[in-house]
Amino acid sequence: MKSVNIDAPIELNPFESVDYQPTADKLDAFYKESSNEWDIVCFGHHHPVHLFHSSNRIYLNPGSLGCFHKPLARYAIIHNNEQSPYIVLKEVPYNKEKLIQAFERMKVPKREFILNTFLSSQPSSSYMATCYSNL
């Protein structure tokens, strides 16, 4: 990853490349110039769930909220108590047929691509490889 000013507004650096195999060490290196005042860093764009604990902080990507090959919306709950924060990962089932019907009814742009890539019961092998490379 290249060096960026992480304290700058996102509009000054909106297109960081996606690291498809993040680790706690890589994320620590990326955030090394930040202060240690952050207990948790949440990140995303990559759909798999990532939860890393380092000596510096916790890194969380709760996964996608619906763009998943199983009809599950994934999310996280962050509990920030006085001792230390902790995270609970959750999944909620949804009716995939109703979602597909809504995509058609609303004429969602690129819906065939979205459905085939992210919501297919048999997603492409390259997509699956990026989803489960860290497990």
Protein backbone atom coordinates (compact mmCIF):
# COMPACT_ATOMS: atom_id res chain seq x y z
CA MET A 1 0.00 0.00 0.00
CA LYS A 2 1.16 3.48 -0.71
CA SER A 3 1.58 6.13 1.93
CA VAL A 4 -1.43 8.41 2.36
CA ASN A 5 -2.55 11.04 4.80
CA ILE A 6 -5.20 9.07 6.65
CA ASP A 7 -6.35 12.17 8.50
CA ALA A 8 -7.25 13.92 5.23
CA PRO A 9 -10.85 13.95 4.01
CA ILE A 10 -11.73 11.02 1.75
CA GLU A 11 -12.26 13.30 -1.24
CA LEU A 12 -8.50 13.94 -1.28
CA ASN A 13 -7.78 10.21 -1.63
CA PRO A 14 -10.96 8.40 -2.70
CA PHE A 15 -9.47 5.55 -4.72
CA GLU A 16 -7.13 3.49 -2.57
CA SER A 17 -6.56 0.10 -4.14
CA VAL A 18 -8.27 -2.87 -2.50
CA ASP A 19 -6.04 -5.31 -0.65
CA TYR A 20 -7.74 -8.66 -1.20
CA GLN A 21 -5.61 -10.35 1.45
CA PRO A 22 -5.41 -7.91 4.37
CA THR A 23 -3.64 -8.90 7.58
CA ALA A 24 -3.13 -7.23 10.94
CA ASP A 25 0.53 -6.61 10.03
CA LYS A 26 -0.36 -4.96 6.71
CA LEU A 27 -3.00 -2.79 8.36
CA ASP A 28 -0.62 -1.81 11.17
CA ALA A 29 1.90 -0.77 8.52
CA PHE A 30 -0.73 1.24 6.66
CA TYR A 31 -1.80 3.07 9.82
CA LYS A 32 1.66 3.37 11.38
CA GLU A 33 1.69 7.16 11.10
CA SER A 34 -1.65 7.49 12.86
CA SER A 35 -1.86 8.13 16.51
CA ASN A 36 -2.68 5.25 18.82
CA GLU A 37 -5.89 6.97 19.90
CA TRP A 38 -7.96 4.69 17.69
CA ASP A 39 -9.02 1.41 19.26
CA ILE A 40 -10.88 0.18 16.19
CA VAL A 41 -10.48 0.81 12.47
CA CYS A 42 -13.41 -0.21 10.28
CA PHE A 43 -12.76 -0.76 6.61
CA GLY A 44 -14.63 -2.19 3.68
CA HIS A 45 -15.25 -2.44 -0.03
CA HIS A 46 -14.02 -6.02 -0.02
CA HIS A 47 -17.01 -8.25 0.74
CA PRO A 48 -15.54 -10.97 3.02
CA VAL A 49 -15.56 -10.56 6.79
CA HIS A 50 -12.20 -9.60 8.31
CA LEU A 51 -11.55 -9.23 12.02
CA PHE A 52 -7.94 -8.74 13.08
CA HIS A 53 -6.51 -7.95 16.50
CA SER A 54 -3.03 -6.46 16.73
CA SER A 55 -1.13 -5.00 19.62
CA ASN A 56 -2.13 -1.55 18.29
CA ARG A 57 -5.86 -1.92 17.58
CA ILE A 58 -8.71 -3.96 16.18
CA TYR A 59 -9.40 -3.94 12.43
CA LEU A 60 -12.90 -4.77 11.23
CA ASN A 61 -14.51 -5.30 7.86
CA PRO A 62 -17.98 -6.64 8.69
CA GLY A 63 -18.46 -7.95 5.15
CA SER A 64 -21.17 -6.92 2.77
CA LEU A 65 -24.71 -6.19 3.74
CA GLY A 66 -26.34 -8.46 1.19
CA CYS A 67 -23.73 -8.89 -1.57
CA PHE A 68 -22.96 -12.44 -0.63
CA HIS A 69 -23.53 -15.80 -2.33
CA LYS A 70 -25.72 -16.91 0.58
CA PRO A 71 -28.91 -15.03 1.49
CA LEU A 72 -27.36 -13.50 4.60
CA ALA A 73 -26.84 -9.84 5.45
CA ARG A 74 -23.69 -9.62 7.54
CA TYR A 75 -22.89 -6.87 10.01
CA ALA A 76 -21.04 -6.22 13.25
CA ILE A 77 -21.96 -4.74 16.60
CA ILE A 78 -19.17 -2.88 18.38
CA HIS A 79 -19.39 -2.81 22.17
CA ASN A 80 -17.21 -0.06 23.55
CA ASN A 81 -16.94 -0.55 27.27
CA GLU A 82 -14.46 1.00 29.68
CA GLN A 83 -12.08 -1.99 29.79
CA SER A 84 -11.74 -2.66 26.07
CA PRO A 85 -13.97 -2.73 23.01
CA TYR A 86 -15.23 -6.00 21.64
CA ILE A 87 -17.03 -6.95 18.46
CA VAL A 88 -19.87 -9.35 17.76
CA LEU A 89 -20.30 -10.51 14.16
CA LYS A 90 -23.89 -11.12 13.07
CA GLU A 91 -25.74 -12.57 10.09
CA VAL A 92 -29.41 -12.12 9.29
CA PRO A 93 -31.16 -14.23 6.64
CA TYR A 94 -33.22 -12.50 3.98
CA ASN A 95 -35.56 -13.66 1.22
CA LYS A 96 -33.38 -13.79 -1.89
CA GLU A 97 -36.36 -14.18 -4.26
CA LYS A 98 -37.91 -10.96 -2.97
CA LEU A 99 -34.60 -9.17 -3.44
CA ILE A 100 -34.32 -10.40 -7.04
CA GLN A 101 -37.93 -9.37 -7.72
CA ALA A 102 -37.21 -5.91 -6.27
CA PHE A 103 -34.10 -5.58 -8.50
CA GLU A 104 -36.28 -6.32 -11.54
CA ARG A 105 -39.17 -4.10 -10.43
CA MET A 106 -36.84 -1.17 -9.70
CA LYS A 107 -34.78 -1.74 -12.87
CA VAL A 108 -31.52 -1.62 -10.88
CA PRO A 109 -28.70 -0.71 -13.29
CA LYS A 110 -26.30 -3.59 -14.01
CA ARG A 111 -28.61 -5.93 -12.09
CA GLU A 112 -27.59 -9.01 -14.12
CA PHE A 113 -23.94 -8.39 -13.25
CA ILE A 114 -24.77 -7.80 -9.57
CA LEU A 115 -26.97 -10.88 -9.35
CA ASN A 116 -24.50 -13.14 -11.16
CA THR A 117 -21.40 -11.87 -9.37
CA PHE A 118 -22.55 -11.28 -5.83
CA LEU A 119 -25.83 -13.11 -5.31
CA SER A 120 -25.41 -16.25 -7.36
CA SER A 121 -25.56 -19.57 -5.52
CA GLN A 122 -22.54 -20.49 -7.66
CA PRO A 123 -20.35 -17.38 -7.80
CA SER A 124 -17.23 -17.40 -9.95
CA SER A 125 -14.18 -19.21 -8.62
CA SER A 126 -12.13 -15.99 -8.70
CA TYR A 127 -14.71 -14.22 -6.52
CA MET A 128 -14.78 -17.14 -4.07
CA ALA A 129 -10.97 -17.24 -3.93
CA THR A 130 -10.86 -13.60 -2.79
CA CYS A 131 -13.67 -14.19 -0.29
CA TYR A 132 -12.02 -17.09 1.50
CA SER A 133 -8.31 -16.50 1.02
CA ASN A 134 -7.79 -15.42 4.62
CA LEU A 135 -9.64 -18.27 6.36
